[in-house]
PDB file of N, CA and C in Angstrom:
ATOM      1  N   MET A   1     258.274  -0.738 215.571  1.00  0.00           N
ATOM      2  CA  MET A   1     257.413   0.345 215.979  1.00  0.00           C
ATOM      3  C   MET A   1     255.949  -0.061 215.801  1.00  0.00           C
ATOM      4  N   ARG A   2     255.159   0.263 216.786  1.00  0.00           N
ATOM      5  CA  ARG A   2     253.740  -0.092 216.736  1.00  0.00           C
ATOM      6  C   ARG A   2     252.982   0.883 215.839  1.00  0.00           C
ATOM      7  N   ASN A   3     251.922   0.382 215.254  1.00  0.00           N
ATOM      8  CA  ASN A   3     251.064   1.225 214.421  1.00  0.00           C
ATOM      9  C   ASN A   3     250.006   1.849 215.330  1.00  0.00           C
ATOM     10  N   GLU A   4     250.297   3.038 215.842  1.00  0.00           N
ATOM     11  CA  GLU A   4     249.399   3.707 216.784  1.00  0.00           C
ATOM     12  C   GLU A   4     248.427   4.609 216.032  1.00  0.00           C
ATOM     13  N   LYS A   5     247.216   4.665 216.543  1.00  0.00           N
ATOM     14  CA  LYS A   5     246.187   5.504 215.938  1.00  0.00           C
ATOM     15  C   LYS A   5     245.692   6.490 216.981  1.00  0.00           C
ATOM     16  N   GLY A   6     245.278   7.657 216.537  1.00  0.00           N
ATOM     17  CA  GLY A   6     244.747   8.660 217.449  1.00  0.00           C
ATOM     18  C   GLY A   6     245.305  10.036 217.135  1.00  0.00           C
ATOM     19  N   PHE A   7     244.923  11.011 217.947  1.00  0.00           N
ATOM     20  CA  PHE A   7     245.357  12.387 217.751  1.00  0.00           C
ATOM     21  C   PHE A   7     246.500  12.696 218.700  1.00  0.00           C
ATOM     22  N   THR A   8     247.396  13.539 218.240  1.00  0.00           N
ATOM     23  CA  THR A   8     248.482  13.980 219.116  1.00  0.00           C
ATOM     24  C   THR A   8     247.971  15.122 219.985  1.00  0.00           C
ATOM     25  N   LEU A   9     248.703  15.418 221.026  1.00  0.00           N
ATOM     26  CA  LEU A   9     248.329  16.503 221.929  1.00  0.00           C
ATOM     27  C   LEU A   9     248.309  17.840 221.191  1.00  0.00           C
ATOM     28  N   ILE A  10     249.243  18.043 220.289  1.00  0.00           N
ATOM     29  CA  ILE A  10     249.300  19.291 219.508  1.00  0.00           C
ATOM     30  C   ILE A  10     248.030  19.448 218.667  1.00  0.00           C
ATOM     31  N   GLU A  11     247.575  18.386 218.039  1.00  0.00           N
ATOM     32  CA  GLU A  11     246.367  18.462 217.221  1.00  0.00           C
ATOM     33  C   GLU A  11     245.141  18.797 218.071  1.00  0.00           C
ATOM     34  N   ILE A  12     245.045  18.200 219.222  1.00  0.00           N
ATOM     35  CA  ILE A  12     243.917  18.481 220.117  1.00  0.00           C
ATOM     36  C   ILE A  12     243.951  19.927 220.591  1.00  0.00           C
ATOM     37  N   ILE A  13     245.125  20.430 220.949  1.00  0.00           N
ATOM     38  CA  ILE A  13     245.251  21.826 221.386  1.00  0.00           C
ATOM     39  C   ILE A  13     244.890  22.773 220.246  1.00  0.00           C
ATOM     40  N   ALA A  14     245.314  22.458 219.020  1.00  0.00           N
ATOM     41  CA  ALA A  14     244.992  23.310 217.871  1.00  0.00           C
ATOM     42  C   ALA A  14     243.481  23.383 217.665  1.00  0.00           C
ATOM     43  N   VAL A  15     242.801  22.262 217.792  1.00  0.00           N
ATOM     44  CA  VAL A  15     241.342  22.244 217.635  1.00  0.00           C
ATOM     45  C   VAL A  15     240.681  23.063 218.740  1.00  0.00           C
ATOM     46  N   LEU A  16     241.154  22.921 219.972  1.00  0.00           N
ATOM     47  CA  LEU A  16     240.587  23.695 221.081  1.00  0.00           C
ATOM     48  C   LEU A  16     240.799  25.192 220.895  1.00  0.00           C
ATOM     49  N   VAL A  17     241.960  25.587 220.392  1.00  0.00           N
ATOM     50  CA  VAL A  17     242.220  27.013 220.136  1.00  0.00           C
ATOM     51  C   VAL A  17     241.266  27.534 219.069  1.00  0.00           C
ATOM     52  N   ILE A  18     241.074  26.773 218.010  1.00  0.00           N
ATOM     53  CA  ILE A  18     240.158  27.197 216.942  1.00  0.00           C
ATOM     54  C   ILE A  18     238.729  27.308 217.477  1.00  0.00           C
ATOM     55  N   LEU A  19     238.299  26.334 218.268  1.00  0.00           N
ATOM     56  CA  LEU A  19     236.955  26.402 218.861  1.00  0.00           C
ATOM     57  C   LEU A  19     236.812  27.597 219.799  1.00  0.00           C
ATOM     58  N   GLY A  20     237.855  27.906 220.553  1.00  0.00           N
ATOM     59  CA  GLY A  20     237.827  29.069 221.440  1.00  0.00           C
ATOM     60  C   GLY A  20     237.686  30.365 220.673  1.00  0.00           C
ATOM     61  N   ILE A  21     238.404  30.477 219.568  1.00  0.00           N
ATOM     62  CA  ILE A  21     238.312  31.690 218.736  1.00  0.00           C
ATOM     63  C   ILE A  21     236.907  31.814 218.147  1.00  0.00           C
ATOM     64  N   LEU A  22     236.370  30.720 217.635  1.00  0.00           N
ATOM     65  CA  LEU A  22     235.012  30.755 217.081  1.00  0.00           C
ATOM     66  C   LEU A  22     233.983  31.131 218.143  1.00  0.00           C
ATOM     67  N   ALA A  23     234.131  30.590 219.340  1.00  0.00           N
ATOM     68  CA  ALA A  23     233.201  30.914 220.422  1.00  0.00           C
ATOM     69  C   ALA A  23     233.316  32.377 220.827  1.00  0.00           C
ATOM     70  N   ALA A  24     234.534  32.908 220.839  1.00  0.00           N
ATOM     71  CA  ALA A  24     234.731  34.311 221.219  1.00  0.00           C
ATOM     72  C   ALA A  24     234.080  35.252 220.217  1.00  0.00           C
ATOM     73  N   VAL A  25     233.986  34.841 218.971  1.00  0.00           N
ATOM     74  CA  VAL A  25     233.366  35.675 217.943  1.00  0.00           C
ATOM     75  C   VAL A  25     231.855  35.453 217.905  1.00  0.00           C
ATOM     76  N   ALA A  26     231.406  34.220 218.059  1.00  0.00           N
ATOM     77  CA  ALA A  26     229.994  33.891 217.865  1.00  0.00           C
ATOM     78  C   ALA A  26     229.107  34.286 219.040  1.00  0.00           C
ATOM     79  N   VAL A  27     229.568  34.136 220.266  1.00  0.00           N
ATOM     80  CA  VAL A  27     228.721  34.400 221.435  1.00  0.00           C
ATOM     81  C   VAL A  27     228.291  35.867 221.508  1.00  0.00           C
ATOM     82  N   PRO A  28     229.192  36.847 221.383  1.00  0.00           N
ATOM     83  CA  PRO A  28     228.719  38.245 221.415  1.00  0.00           C
ATOM     84  C   PRO A  28     227.757  38.568 220.268  1.00  0.00           C
ATOM     85  N   LYS A  29     227.996  37.985 219.110  1.00  0.00           N
ATOM     86  CA  LYS A  29     227.108  38.221 217.974  1.00  0.00           C
ATOM     87  C   LYS A  29     225.712  37.676 218.272  1.00  0.00           C
ATOM     88  N   TYR A  30     225.643  36.522 218.889  1.00  0.00           N
ATOM     89  CA  TYR A  30     224.361  35.914 219.246  1.00  0.00           C
ATOM     90  C   TYR A  30     223.621  36.775 220.263  1.00  0.00           C
ATOM     91  N   ILE A  31     224.331  37.294 221.245  1.00  0.00           N
ATOM     92  CA  ILE A  31     223.707  38.141 222.265  1.00  0.00           C
ATOM     93  C   ILE A  31     223.181  39.426 221.632  1.00  0.00           C
ATOM     94  N   ASP A  32     223.949  40.020 220.704  1.00  0.00           N
ATOM     95  CA  ASP A  32     223.487  41.219 220.005  1.00  0.00           C
ATOM     96  C   ASP A  32     222.237  40.923 219.179  1.00  0.00           C
ATOM     97  N   MET A  33     222.199  39.761 218.568  1.00  0.00           N
ATOM     98  CA  MET A  33     221.031  39.401 217.765  1.00  0.00           C
ATOM     99  C   MET A  33     219.790  39.271 218.638  1.00  0.00           C
ATOM    100  N   GLN A  34     219.942  38.766 219.850  1.00  0.00           N
ATOM    101  CA  GLN A  34     218.798  38.650 220.757  1.00  0.00           C
ATOM    102  C   GLN A  34     218.254  40.022 221.130  1.00  0.00           C
ATOM    103  N   SER A  35     219.132  40.945 221.498  1.00  0.00           N
ATOM    104  CA  SER A  35     218.652  42.272 221.895  1.00  0.00           C
ATOM    105  C   SER A  35     218.054  43.012 220.701  1.00  0.00           C
ATOM    106  N   ASP A  36     218.639  42.857 219.516  1.00  0.00           N
ATOM    107  CA  ASP A  36     218.067  43.479 218.325  1.00  0.00           C
ATOM    108  C   ASP A  36     216.680  42.912 218.025  1.00  0.00           C
ATOM    109  N   ALA A  37     216.515  41.616 218.197  1.00  0.00           N
ATOM    110  CA  ALA A  37     215.215  40.990 217.943  1.00  0.00           C
ATOM    111  C   ALA A  37     214.159  41.503 218.920  1.00  0.00           C
ATOM    112  N   LYS A  38     214.537  41.699 220.186  1.00  0.00           N
ATOM    113  CA  LYS A  38     213.594  42.237 221.173  1.00  0.00           C
ATOM    114  C   LYS A  38     213.161  43.647 220.791  1.00  0.00           C
ATOM    115  N   ILE A  39     214.127  44.465 220.378  1.00  0.00           N
ATOM    116  CA  ILE A  39     213.810  45.846 219.984  1.00  0.00           C
ATOM    117  C   ILE A  39     212.900  45.851 218.761  1.00  0.00           C
ATOM    118  N   LYS A  40     213.210  45.033 217.764  1.00  0.00           N
ATOM    119  CA  LYS A  40     212.399  45.002 216.538  1.00  0.00           C
ATOM    120  C   LYS A  40     210.987  44.486 216.811  1.00  0.00           C
ATOM    121  N   ALA A  41     210.859  43.484 217.668  1.00  0.00           N
ATOM    122  CA  ALA A  41     209.526  42.967 218.001  1.00  0.00           C
ATOM    123  C   ALA A  41     208.709  44.027 218.729  1.00  0.00           C
ATOM    124  N   THR A  42     209.356  44.760 219.639  1.00  0.00           N
ATOM    125  CA  THR A  42     208.663  45.822 220.366  1.00  0.00           C
ATOM    126  C   THR A  42     208.278  46.956 219.421  1.00  0.00           C
ATOM    127  N   GLN A  43     209.170  47.314 218.500  1.00  0.00           N
ATOM    128  CA  GLN A  43     208.848  48.355 217.523  1.00  0.00           C
ATOM    129  C   GLN A  43     207.675  47.932 216.642  1.00  0.00           C
ATOM    130  N   GLY A  44     207.628  46.652 216.296  1.00  0.00           N
ATOM    131  CA  GLY A  44     206.505  46.144 215.511  1.00  0.00           C
ATOM    132  C   GLY A  44     205.192  46.262 216.261  1.00  0.00           C
ATOM    133  N   ALA A  45     205.217  45.934 217.550  1.00  0.00           N
ATOM    134  CA  ALA A  45     204.001  46.050 218.364  1.00  0.00           C
ATOM    135  C   ALA A  45     203.589  47.511 218.513  1.00  0.00           C
ATOM    136  N   LEU A  46     204.568  48.410 218.684  1.00  0.00           N
ATOM    137  CA  LEU A  46     204.251  49.840 218.769  1.00  0.00           C
ATOM    138  C   LEU A  46     203.631  50.337 217.467  1.00  0.00           C
ATOM    139  N   SER A  47     204.195  49.918 216.345  1.00  0.00           N
ATOM    140  CA  SER A  47     203.652  50.334 215.050  1.00  0.00           C
ATOM    141  C   SER A  47     202.249  49.788 214.837  1.00  0.00           C
ATOM    142  N   ALA A  48     202.018  48.556 215.262  1.00  0.00           N
ATOM    143  CA  ALA A  48     200.671  47.986 215.155  1.00  0.00           C
ATOM    144  C   ALA A  48     199.690  48.782 216.012  1.00  0.00           C
ATOM    145  N   GLY A  49     200.126  49.193 217.198  1.00  0.00           N
ATOM    146  CA  GLY A  49     199.276  50.025 218.051  1.00  0.00           C
ATOM    147  C   GLY A  49     198.973  51.366 217.402  1.00  0.00           C
ATOM    148  N   GLY A  50     199.982  51.976 216.780  1.00  0.00           N
ATOM    149  CA  GLY A  50     199.766  53.236 216.069  1.00  0.00           C
ATOM    150  C   GLY A  50     198.824  53.067 214.886  1.00  0.00           C
ATOM    151  N   SER A  51     198.958  51.961 214.177  1.00  0.00           N
ATOM    152  CA  SER A  51     198.052  51.678 213.060  1.00  0.00           C
ATOM    153  C   SER A  51     196.627  51.475 213.551  1.00  0.00           C
ATOM    154  N   ASN A  52     196.488  50.774 214.671  1.00  0.00           N
ATOM    155  CA  ASN A  52     195.151  50.589 215.252  1.00  0.00           C
ATOM    156  C   ASN A  52     194.515  51.932 215.586  1.00  0.00           C
ATOM    157  N   ALA A  53     195.311  52.839 216.156  1.00  0.00           N
ATOM    158  CA  ALA A  53     194.792  54.165 216.505  1.00  0.00           C
ATOM    159  C   ALA A  53     194.379  54.931 215.253  1.00  0.00           C
ATOM    160  N   SER A  54     195.196  54.865 214.210  1.00  0.00           N
ATOM    161  CA  SER A  54     194.867  55.562 212.962  1.00  0.00           C
ATOM    162  C   SER A  54     193.599  55.004 212.326  1.00  0.00           C
ATOM    163  N   MET A  55     193.471  53.684 212.323  1.00  0.00           N
ATOM    164  CA  MET A  55     192.281  53.071 211.726  1.00  0.00           C
ATOM    165  C   MET A  55     191.017  53.430 212.493  1.00  0.00           C
ATOM    166  N   LEU A  56     191.084  53.377 213.813  1.00  0.00           N
ATOM    167  CA  LEU A  56     189.898  53.710 214.607  1.00  0.00           C
ATOM    168  C   LEU A  56     189.543  55.189 214.458  1.00  0.00           C
ATOM    169  N   TYR A  57     190.558  56.041 214.348  1.00  0.00           N
ATOM    170  CA  TYR A  57     190.333  57.474 214.127  1.00  0.00           C
ATOM    171  C   TYR A  57     189.588  57.677 212.802  1.00  0.00           C
ATOM    172  N   ALA A  58     190.066  57.013 211.742  1.00  0.00           N
ATOM    173  CA  ALA A  58     189.428  57.149 210.431  1.00  0.00           C
ATOM    174  C   ALA A  58     188.012  56.573 210.444  1.00  0.00           C
ATOM    175  N   GLN A  59     187.823  55.433 211.096  1.00  0.00           N
ATOM    176  CA  GLN A  59     186.481  54.844 211.183  1.00  0.00           C
ATOM    177  C   GLN A  59     185.520  55.761 211.927  1.00  0.00           C
ATOM    178  N   SER A  60     186.018  56.412 212.954  1.00  0.00           N
ATOM    179  CA  SER A  60     185.178  57.325 213.727  1.00  0.00           C
ATOM    180  C   SER A  60     184.764  58.527 212.882  1.00  0.00           C
ATOM    181  N   ILE A  61     185.687  59.043 212.091  1.00  0.00           N
ATOM    182  CA  ILE A  61     185.355  60.172 211.209  1.00  0.00           C
ATOM    183  C   ILE A  61     184.307  59.744 210.182  1.00  0.00           C
ATOM    184  N   LEU A  62     184.496  58.555 209.607  1.00  0.00           N
ATOM    185  CA  LEU A  62     183.547  58.084 208.594  1.00  0.00           C
ATOM    186  C   LEU A  62     182.159  57.826 209.174  1.00  0.00           C
ATOM    187  N   SER A  63     182.105  57.300 210.382  1.00  0.00           N
ATOM    188  CA  SER A  63     180.794  56.957 210.946  1.00  0.00           C
ATOM    189  C   SER A  63     180.070  58.155 211.544  1.00  0.00           C
ATOM    190  N   SER A  64     180.809  59.091 212.147  1.00  0.00           N
ATOM    191  CA  SER A  64     180.130  60.212 212.807  1.00  0.00           C
ATOM    192  C   SER A  64     180.236  61.519 212.032  1.00  0.00           C
ATOM    193  N   GLY A  65     181.146  61.596 211.105  1.00  0.00           N
ATOM    194  CA  GLY A  65     181.298  62.822 210.329  1.00  0.00           C
ATOM    195  C   GLY A  65     182.205  63.850 210.968  1.00  0.00           C
ATOM    196  N   SER A  66     182.678  63.582 212.182  1.00  0.00           N
ATOM    197  CA  SER A  66     183.600  64.520 212.828  1.00  0.00           C
ATOM    198  C   SER A  66     184.710  63.734 213.524  1.00  0.00           C
ATOM    199  N   ALA A  67     185.806  64.415 213.730  1.00  0.00           N
ATOM    200  CA  ALA A  67     186.967  63.767 214.350  1.00  0.00           C
ATOM    201  C   ALA A  67     186.754  63.599 215.852  1.00  0.00           C
ATOM    202  N   PRO A  68     187.137  62.460 216.396  1.00  0.00           N
ATOM    203  CA  PRO A  68     187.004  62.265 217.843  1.00  0.00           C
ATOM    204  C   PRO A  68     188.130  62.980 218.581  1.00  0.00           C
ATOM    205  N   THR A  69     187.925  63.240 219.846  1.00  0.00           N
ATOM    206  CA  THR A  69     189.024  63.777 220.655  1.00  0.00           C
ATOM    207  C   THR A  69     190.005  62.643 220.925  1.00  0.00           C
ATOM    208  N   MET A  70     191.224  63.002 221.247  1.00  0.00           N
ATOM    209  CA  MET A  70     192.232  61.976 221.520  1.00  0.00           C
ATOM    210  C   MET A  70     191.891  61.181 222.779  1.00  0.00           C
ATOM    211  N   ALA A  71     191.259  61.850 223.747  1.00  0.00           N
ATOM    212  CA  ALA A  71     190.866  61.141 224.971  1.00  0.00           C
ATOM    213  C   ALA A  71     189.805  60.086 224.667  1.00  0.00           C
ATOM    214  N   SER A  72     188.822  60.450 223.845  1.00  0.00           N
ATOM    215  CA  SER A  72     187.784  59.464 223.512  1.00  0.00           C
ATOM    216  C   SER A  72     188.345  58.364 222.612  1.00  0.00           C
ATOM    217  N   LEU A  73     189.295  58.706 221.754  1.00  0.00           N
ATOM    218  CA  LEU A  73     189.940  57.698 220.910  1.00  0.00           C
ATOM    219  C   LEU A  73     190.728  56.708 221.764  1.00  0.00           C
ATOM    220  N   ALA A  74     191.471  57.231 222.736  1.00  0.00           N
ATOM    221  CA  ALA A  74     192.240  56.355 223.631  1.00  0.00           C
ATOM    222  C   ALA A  74     191.312  55.453 224.432  1.00  0.00           C
ATOM    223  N   ALA A  75     190.183  55.998 224.873  1.00  0.00           N
ATOM    224  CA  ALA A  75     189.216  55.189 225.624  1.00  0.00           C
ATOM    225  C   ALA A  75     188.608  54.110 224.735  1.00  0.00           C
ATOM    226  N   SER A  76     188.318  54.454 223.493  1.00  0.00           N
ATOM    227  CA  SER A  76     187.766  53.461 222.563  1.00  0.00           C
ATOM    228  C   SER A  76     188.778  52.362 222.273  1.00  0.00           C
ATOM    229  N   LEU A  77     190.033  52.741 222.124  1.00  0.00           N
ATOM    230  CA  LEU A  77     191.080  51.747 221.872  1.00  0.00           C
ATOM    231  C   LEU A  77     191.260  50.815 223.062  1.00  0.00           C
ATOM    232  N   ALA A  78     191.175  51.365 224.258  1.00  0.00           N
ATOM    233  CA  ALA A  78     191.354  50.551 225.464  1.00  0.00           C
ATOM    234  C   ALA A  78     190.194  49.594 225.664  1.00  0.00           C
ATOM    235  N   GLY A  79     189.014  49.986 225.221  1.00  0.00           N
ATOM    236  CA  GLY A  79     187.852  49.140 225.420  1.00  0.00           C
ATOM    237  C   GLY A  79     187.635  48.125 224.315  1.00  0.00           C
ATOM    238  N   ALA A  80     188.346  48.254 223.223  1.00  0.00           N
ATOM    239  CA  ALA A  80     188.144  47.359 222.081  1.00  0.00           C
ATOM    240  C   ALA A  80     189.171  46.223 222.103  1.00  0.00           C
ATOM    241  N   SER A  81     189.236  45.517 221.007  1.00  0.00           N
ATOM    242  CA  SER A  81     190.161  44.377 220.922  1.00  0.00           C
ATOM    243  C   SER A  81     191.548  44.812 220.450  1.00  0.00           C
ATOM    244  N   TYR A  82     191.886  46.061 220.675  1.00  0.00           N
ATOM    245  CA  TYR A  82     193.177  46.587 220.223  1.00  0.00           C
ATOM    246  C   TYR A  82     194.246  46.527 221.302  1.00  0.00           C
ATOM    247  N   THR A  83     193.980  45.875 222.407  1.00  0.00           N
ATOM    248  CA  THR A  83     194.933  45.898 223.517  1.00  0.00           C
ATOM    249  C   THR A  83     195.934  44.750 223.486  1.00  0.00           C
ATOM    250  N   THR A  84     195.805  43.832 222.540  1.00  0.00           N
ATOM    251  CA  THR A  84     196.750  42.724 222.439  1.00  0.00           C
ATOM    252  C   THR A  84     197.310  42.658 221.027  1.00  0.00           C
ATOM    253  N   VAL A  85     198.636  42.635 220.937  1.00  0.00           N
ATOM    254  CA  VAL A  85     199.332  42.456 219.667  1.00  0.00           C
ATOM    255  C   VAL A  85     200.344  41.337 219.881  1.00  0.00           C
ATOM    256  N   GLY A  86     200.011  40.151 219.429  1.00  0.00           N
ATOM    257  CA  GLY A  86     200.898  39.006 219.651  1.00  0.00           C
ATOM    258  C   GLY A  86     201.049  38.737 221.141  1.00  0.00           C
ATOM    259  N   ASP A  87     202.287  38.704 221.604  1.00  0.00           N
ATOM    260  CA  ASP A  87     202.571  38.481 223.025  1.00  0.00           C
ATOM    261  C   ASP A  87     202.585  39.780 223.820  1.00  0.00           C
ATOM    262  N   PHE A  88     202.351  40.891 223.172  1.00  0.00           N
ATOM    263  CA  PHE A  88     202.437  42.199 223.811  1.00  0.00           C
ATOM    264  C   PHE A  88     201.054  42.702 224.210  1.00  0.00           C
ATOM    265  N   THR A  89     201.014  43.430 225.320  1.00  0.00           N
ATOM    266  CA  THR A  89     199.807  44.130 225.745  1.00  0.00           C
ATOM    267  C   THR A  89     200.030  45.606 225.452  1.00  0.00           C
ATOM    268  N   VAL A  90     199.086  46.214 224.775  1.00  0.00           N
ATOM    269  CA  VAL A  90     199.229  47.597 224.325  1.00  0.00           C
ATOM    270  C   VAL A  90     198.282  48.481 225.126  1.00  0.00           C
ATOM    271  N   SER A  91     198.796  49.619 225.599  1.00  0.00           N
ATOM    272  CA  SER A  91     197.942  50.599 226.273  1.00  0.00           C
ATOM    273  C   SER A  91     198.045  51.925 225.525  1.00  0.00           C
ATOM    274  N   TYR A  92     196.980  52.677 225.556  1.00  0.00           N
ATOM    275  CA  TYR A  92     196.868  53.927 224.804  1.00  0.00           C
ATOM    276  C   TYR A  92     196.537  55.065 225.755  1.00  0.00           C
ATOM    277  N   ALA A  93     197.110  56.234 225.484  1.00  0.00           N
ATOM    278  CA  ALA A  93     196.798  57.434 226.260  1.00  0.00           C
ATOM    279  C   ALA A  93     196.813  58.627 225.310  1.00  0.00           C
ATOM    280  N   ALA A  94     195.940  59.583 225.580  1.00  0.00           N
ATOM    281  CA  ALA A  94     195.913  60.797 224.765  1.00  0.00           C
ATOM    282  C   ALA A  94     197.189  61.587 225.000  1.00  0.00           C
ATOM    283  N   SER A  95     197.689  62.176 223.930  1.00  0.00           N
ATOM    284  CA  SER A  95     198.879  63.021 224.012  1.00  0.00           C
ATOM    285  C   SER A  95     198.520  64.369 223.396  1.00  0.00           C
ATOM    286  N   GLY A  96     198.054  65.264 224.224  1.00  0.00           N
ATOM    287  CA  GLY A  96     197.611  66.558 223.723  1.00  0.00           C
ATOM    288  C   GLY A  96     196.324  66.405 222.932  1.00  0.00           C
ATOM    289  N   THR A  97     196.160  67.266 221.927  1.00  0.00           N
ATOM    290  CA  THR A  97     194.932  67.229 221.130  1.00  0.00           C
ATOM    291  C   THR A  97     195.123  66.549 219.783  1.00  0.00           C
ATOM    292  N   THR A  98     196.351  66.148 219.467  1.00  0.00           N
ATOM    293  CA  THR A  98     196.589  65.565 218.145  1.00  0.00           C
ATOM    294  C   THR A  98     197.288  64.220 218.166  1.00  0.00           C
ATOM    295  N   GLY A  99     197.587  63.693 219.328  1.00  0.00           N
ATOM    296  CA  GLY A  99     198.380  62.465 219.346  1.00  0.00           C
ATOM    297  C   GLY A  99     197.901  61.418 220.323  1.00  0.00           C
ATOM    298  N   ILE A 100     198.396  60.223 220.102  1.00  0.00           N
ATOM    299  CA  ILE A 100     198.137  59.078 220.976  1.00  0.00           C
ATOM    300  C   ILE A 100     199.494  58.502 221.369  1.00  0.00           C
ATOM    301  N   THR A 101     199.679  58.260 222.660  1.00  0.00           N
ATOM    302  CA  THR A 101     200.888  57.597 223.137  1.00  0.00           C
ATOM    303  C   THR A 101     200.576  56.122 223.302  1.00  0.00           C
ATOM    304  N   VAL A 102     201.399  55.305 222.654  1.00  0.00           N
ATOM    305  CA  VAL A 102     201.225  53.858 222.695  1.00  0.00           C
ATOM    306  C   VAL A 102     202.352  53.283 223.543  1.00  0.00           C
ATOM    307  N   GLU A 103     201.995  52.420 224.490  1.00  0.00           N
ATOM    308  CA  GLU A 103     203.002  51.753 225.320  1.00  0.00           C
ATOM    309  C   GLU A 103     202.739  50.259 225.293  1.00  0.00           C
ATOM    310  N   VAL A 104     203.815  49.480 225.150  1.00  0.00           N
ATOM    311  CA  VAL A 104     203.661  48.026 225.139  1.00  0.00           C
ATOM    312  C   VAL A 104     204.303  47.421 226.379  1.00  0.00           C
ATOM    313  N   THR A 105     203.672  46.382 226.875  1.00  0.00           N
ATOM    314  CA  THR A 105     204.235  45.599 227.970  1.00  0.00           C
ATOM    315  C   THR A 105     204.162  44.131 227.568  1.00  0.00           C
ATOM    316  N   ALA A 106     205.048  43.357 228.148  1.00  0.00           N
ATOM    317  CA  ALA A 106     205.115  41.920 227.861  1.00  0.00           C
ATOM    318  C   ALA A 106     205.975  41.278 228.926  1.00  0.00           C
ATOM    319  N   PRO A 107     206.080  39.961 228.914  1.00  0.00           N
ATOM    320  CA  PRO A 107     207.028  39.327 229.832  1.00  0.00           C
ATOM    321  C   PRO A 107     208.432  39.890 229.617  1.00  0.00           C
ATOM    322  N   SER A 108     209.205  39.983 230.674  1.00  0.00           N
ATOM    323  CA  SER A 108     210.508  40.652 230.600  1.00  0.00           C
ATOM    324  C   SER A 108     211.457  40.007 229.604  1.00  0.00           C
ATOM    325  N   ASN A 109     211.301  38.737 229.311  1.00  0.00           N
ATOM    326  CA  ASN A 109     212.203  38.116 228.347  1.00  0.00           C
ATOM    327  C   ASN A 109     211.914  38.551 226.914  1.00  0.00           C
ATOM    328  N   LEU A 110     210.803  39.246 226.681  1.00  0.00           N
ATOM    329  CA  LEU A 110     210.463  39.728 225.347  1.00  0.00           C
ATOM    330  C   LEU A 110     210.736  41.213 225.154  1.00  0.00           C
ATOM    331  N   LEU A 111     210.983  41.939 226.243  1.00  0.00           N
ATOM    332  CA  LEU A 111     211.131  43.391 226.138  1.00  0.00           C
ATOM    333  C   LEU A 111     212.590  43.809 226.109  1.00  0.00           C
ATOM    334  N   PRO A 112     212.905  44.874 225.366  1.00  0.00           N
ATOM    335  CA  PRO A 112     214.264  45.415 225.413  1.00  0.00           C
ATOM    336  C   PRO A 112     214.533  46.038 226.774  1.00  0.00           C
ATOM    337  N   SER A 113     215.803  46.175 227.110  1.00  0.00           N
ATOM    338  CA  SER A 113     216.157  46.675 228.442  1.00  0.00           C
ATOM    339  C   SER A 113     215.831  48.154 228.613  1.00  0.00           C
ATOM    340  N   SER A 114     215.850  48.922 227.541  1.00  0.00           N
ATOM    341  CA  SER A 114     215.583  50.356 227.623  1.00  0.00           C
ATOM    342  C   SER A 114     214.077  50.623 227.627  1.00  0.00           C
ATOM    343  N   ALA A 115     213.616  51.354 228.627  1.00  0.00           N
ATOM    344  CA  ALA A 115     212.185  51.672 228.722  1.00  0.00           C
ATOM    345  C   ALA A 115     211.744  52.590 227.590  1.00  0.00           C
ATOM    346  N   SER A 116     212.655  53.396 227.042  1.00  0.00           N
ATOM    347  CA  SER A 116     212.276  54.310 225.962  1.00  0.00           C
ATOM    348  C   SER A 116     211.922  53.560 224.679  1.00  0.00           C
ATOM    349  N   ASP A 117     212.356  52.303 224.549  1.00  0.00           N
ATOM    350  CA  ASP A 117     212.008  51.506 223.374  1.00  0.00           C
ATOM    351  C   ASP A 117     210.602  50.935 223.458  1.00  0.00           C
ATOM    352  N   ARG A 118     209.912  51.138 224.589  1.00  0.00           N
ATOM    353  CA  ARG A 118     208.589  50.547 224.797  1.00  0.00           C
ATOM    354  C   ARG A 118     207.447  51.543 224.641  1.00  0.00           C
ATOM    355  N   VAL A 119     207.755  52.819 224.428  1.00  0.00           N
ATOM    356  CA  VAL A 119     206.730  53.865 224.360  1.00  0.00           C
ATOM    357  C   VAL A 119     206.967  54.698 223.105  1.00  0.00           C
ATOM    358  N   LYS A 120     205.883  55.018 222.405  1.00  0.00           N
ATOM    359  CA  LYS A 120     205.999  55.877 221.227  1.00  0.00           C
ATOM    360  C   LYS A 120     204.725  56.701 221.105  1.00  0.00           C
ATOM    361  N   THR A 121     204.877  57.967 220.729  1.00  0.00           N
ATOM    362  CA  THR A 121     203.735  58.848 220.522  1.00  0.00           C
ATOM    363  C   THR A 121     203.516  59.036 219.025  1.00  0.00           C
ATOM    364  N   PHE A 122     202.294  58.820 218.598  1.00  0.00           N
ATOM    365  CA  PHE A 122     201.920  58.978 217.200  1.00  0.00           C
ATOM    366  C   PHE A 122     201.026  60.198 217.066  1.00  0.00           C
ATOM    367  N   THR A 123     201.287  61.032 216.068  1.00  0.00           N
ATOM    368  CA  THR A 123     200.412  62.161 215.765  1.00  0.00           C
ATOM    369  C   THR A 123     199.326  61.646 214.835  1.00  0.00           C
ATOM    370  N   ILE A 124     198.097  61.760 215.278  1.00  0.00           N
ATOM    371  CA  ILE A 124     196.962  61.204 214.532  1.00  0.00           C
ATOM    372  C   ILE A 124     196.196  62.309 213.815  1.00  0.00           C
ATOM    373  N   ALA A 125     195.820  63.329 214.554  1.00  0.00           N
ATOM    374  CA  ALA A 125     194.971  64.386 214.001  1.00  0.00           C
ATOM    375  C   ALA A 125     195.835  65.470 213.361  1.00  0.00           C
ATOM    376  N   PRO A 126     195.303  66.111 212.341  1.00  0.00           N
ATOM    377  CA  PRO A 126     196.050  67.215 211.698  1.00  0.00           C
ATOM    378  C   PRO A 126     196.107  68.452 212.566  1.00  0.00           C
TER     379      PRO A 126
END
C-alpha cells in the first residue's frame, strides 16, 4: 500500500459545511452592523447640530441680553460654520417659537435608509 497524503472528500465536505454555517451567521450580522453604524453616525450629527443650536442660543442671550427668535437663530446657524459636522451637511429651520429642526444630508452610503432618522427637532427656548 502506498503512503498517500492529502485530505479525503469527506474531510473537505465537512470543512465546506462548517464554512457555510459560519458565513450564514456572520453575513447578516455584518449587514446589521453597517446599518446600525449609519444610524448612530447620523444621530451623532443630529445631536451635534442640536448642541450647536443650543450654544448659539445661549451666546446670543449673553451678548444681547434677550433671547433670539427661532427664525433668526436658524439663519445665524446657516450662515456660520455650523453647517458641517464631519462628513454630514447640517441644515437648520425654525420649528415654531421654541424649537429648531435639524436635518442632516450626506453621501447615500453614509445615510440610513429611513428618512425619519435624518431629521430631529430640538426644543431650545423655554
